[in-house]
Amino acid sequence: MQRALALCLAGGIVAVFGIAIQLSPDERGFGTHEQLGMPPCQFRILTGWKCPHCGMTTSFAHVVRGQWIQAFEANAAGLLLAATGVVLAGWGITVAVTGRKLGPDEPVAWLIKGIMLYLVITLVLWVAQTLLF
């Protein structure tokens, strides 16, 4: 079961990167997700500010092209999330192939902590980018 879940995780991450390869980074630094048929960011429309996730898809589209600076400028959290995705995909493939347990005893608790950490980092980076850039 653990091997299958690890393979699903790795496959999902690889799929996200595969989608990012198909997209052209939007020159504005945000809005690349609209190429997938999604609507423009309502937060930005209503407030005029980029939301904490604005530029995330654009950031991933830059990452898969090796454009680290542009990825950071589009959304610093996107660059961090992409790097985390690479590590997790490698972990998932390793677990799926070897069958060795390479993680905490309580993965759900770890996942909740990881999500909370991601949200805090995303908000901190959003505030910093909003105020500094």
Protein backbone atom coordinates (compact mmCIF):
# COMPACT_ATOMS: atom_id res chain seq x y z
CA MET A 1 0.00 0.00 0.00
CA GLN A 2 2.81 2.41 0.92
CA ARG A 3 4.55 1.75 -2.39
CA ALA A 4 1.37 2.51 -4.35
CA LEU A 5 0.74 5.74 -2.43
CA ALA A 6 4.34 6.85 -2.91
CA LEU A 7 4.09 6.12 -6.64
CA CYS A 8 0.82 8.09 -6.85
CA LEU A 9 2.46 11.04 -5.10
CA ALA A 10 5.45 10.96 -7.44
CA GLY A 11 3.18 10.54 -10.46
CA GLY A 12 1.04 13.50 -9.44
CA ILE A 13 4.08 15.73 -9.01
CA VAL A 14 5.53 14.63 -12.35
CA ALA A 15 2.15 15.37 -13.95
CA VAL A 16 2.18 18.91 -12.51
CA PHE A 17 5.65 19.49 -13.96
CA GLY A 18 4.49 17.96 -17.24
CA ILE A 19 1.62 20.44 -17.42
CA ALA A 20 4.00 23.30 -16.59
CA ILE A 21 6.18 22.32 -19.55
CA GLN A 22 3.19 22.72 -21.86
CA LEU A 23 2.48 26.28 -20.66
CA SER A 24 4.16 29.49 -21.74
CA PRO A 25 5.00 31.72 -18.77
CA ASP A 26 2.85 34.85 -18.91
CA GLU A 27 4.98 37.97 -19.39
CA ARG A 28 3.04 39.77 -16.64
CA GLY A 29 4.39 37.31 -14.05
CA PHE A 30 0.91 35.92 -13.34
CA GLY A 31 -2.05 34.60 -15.30
CA THR A 32 -0.39 31.54 -16.84
CA HIS A 33 -3.14 29.40 -15.30
CA GLU A 34 -5.60 31.03 -17.69
CA GLN A 35 -4.07 28.87 -20.47
CA LEU A 36 -5.71 25.94 -18.67
CA GLY A 37 -9.14 27.54 -19.00
CA MET A 38 -9.21 28.89 -15.45
CA PRO A 39 -10.58 32.38 -14.78
CA PRO A 40 -8.39 35.35 -13.82
CA CYS A 41 -7.64 35.79 -10.11
CA GLN A 42 -10.71 37.34 -8.48
CA PHE A 43 -8.67 38.63 -5.54
CA ARG A 44 -6.52 40.64 -7.96
CA ILE A 45 -9.56 41.89 -9.84
CA LEU A 46 -11.26 43.03 -6.62
CA THR A 47 -8.24 44.48 -4.79
CA GLY A 48 -5.66 45.24 -7.48
CA TRP A 49 -3.12 43.19 -5.49
CA LYS A 50 -1.66 39.82 -6.39
CA CYS A 51 -2.99 37.10 -4.07
CA PRO A 52 -0.57 34.78 -2.23
CA HIS A 53 -0.90 32.28 -5.10
CA CYS A 54 -0.79 34.72 -8.02
CA GLY A 55 2.12 33.76 -10.21
CA MET A 56 2.34 30.19 -8.86
CA THR A 57 1.65 28.55 -12.24
CA THR A 58 3.89 31.10 -13.92
CA SER A 59 6.61 30.27 -11.41
CA PHE A 60 6.33 26.55 -12.19
CA ALA A 61 6.42 27.30 -15.93
CA HIS A 62 9.68 29.15 -15.36
CA VAL A 63 11.12 26.44 -13.10
CA VAL A 64 10.72 23.71 -15.73
CA ARG A 65 12.68 25.96 -18.10
CA GLY A 66 15.46 26.52 -15.57
CA GLN A 67 14.56 30.20 -15.22
CA TRP A 68 15.06 30.45 -11.46
CA ILE A 69 15.12 34.25 -11.15
CA GLN A 70 11.92 34.67 -13.17
CA ALA A 71 10.31 31.89 -11.13
CA PHE A 72 11.24 33.71 -7.91
CA GLU A 73 9.93 37.03 -9.27
CA ALA A 74 6.62 35.47 -10.35
CA ASN A 75 6.07 33.84 -6.94
CA ALA A 76 8.85 32.96 -4.51
CA ALA A 77 6.63 30.35 -2.86
CA GLY A 78 6.20 28.71 -6.25
CA LEU A 79 9.94 28.24 -6.57
CA LEU A 80 10.07 26.75 -3.07
CA LEU A 81 7.08 24.51 -3.76
CA ALA A 82 8.63 23.30 -7.02
CA ALA A 83 11.89 22.45 -5.24
CA THR A 84 9.92 20.60 -2.57
CA GLY A 85 8.04 18.77 -5.33
CA VAL A 86 11.30 17.56 -6.87
CA VAL A 87 12.43 16.20 -3.49
CA LEU A 88 9.06 14.56 -2.81
CA ALA A 89 8.91 13.02 -6.29
CA GLY A 90 12.36 11.53 -5.74
CA TRP A 91 11.25 10.26 -2.34
CA GLY A 92 8.09 8.75 -3.82
CA ILE A 93 9.97 6.98 -6.60
CA THR A 94 12.54 5.65 -4.13
CA VAL A 95 9.86 4.27 -1.81
CA ALA A 96 7.91 2.79 -4.73
CA VAL A 97 10.97 1.05 -6.19
CA THR A 98 12.68 -0.15 -3.01
CA GLY A 99 9.66 -0.68 -0.77
CA ARG A 100 11.66 0.79 2.11
CA LYS A 101 9.85 3.05 4.53
CA LEU A 102 11.51 6.45 4.29
CA GLY A 103 9.34 8.65 6.39
CA PRO A 104 7.73 9.41 9.71
CA ASP A 105 5.63 6.92 11.66
CA GLU A 106 2.63 9.26 11.51
CA PRO A 107 2.43 10.55 7.92
CA VAL A 108 -0.91 12.32 8.44
CA ALA A 109 0.49 14.45 11.26
CA TRP A 110 3.55 15.17 9.11
CA LEU A 111 1.33 16.15 6.19
CA ILE A 112 -0.73 18.55 8.36
CA LYS A 113 2.46 20.16 9.69
CA GLY A 114 3.82 20.44 6.17
CA ILE A 115 0.67 22.13 4.91
CA MET A 116 0.71 24.55 7.82
CA LEU A 117 4.38 25.36 7.19
CA TYR A 118 3.65 25.87 3.49
CA LEU A 119 0.81 28.29 4.29
CA VAL A 120 2.94 30.30 6.72
CA ILE A 121 5.86 30.49 4.28
CA THR A 122 3.52 31.43 1.43
CA LEU A 123 1.98 34.25 3.44
CA VAL A 124 5.37 35.55 4.64
CA LEU A 125 6.77 35.53 1.11
CA TRP A 126 3.58 37.16 -0.23
CA VAL A 127 3.84 39.98 2.31
CA ALA A 128 7.54 40.43 1.56
CA GLN A 129 7.02 40.45 -2.21
CA THR A 130 4.02 42.76 -1.91
CA LEU A 131 5.92 45.26 0.20
CA LEU A 132 9.32 45.00 -1.48
CA PHE A 133 8.54 44.57 -5.17
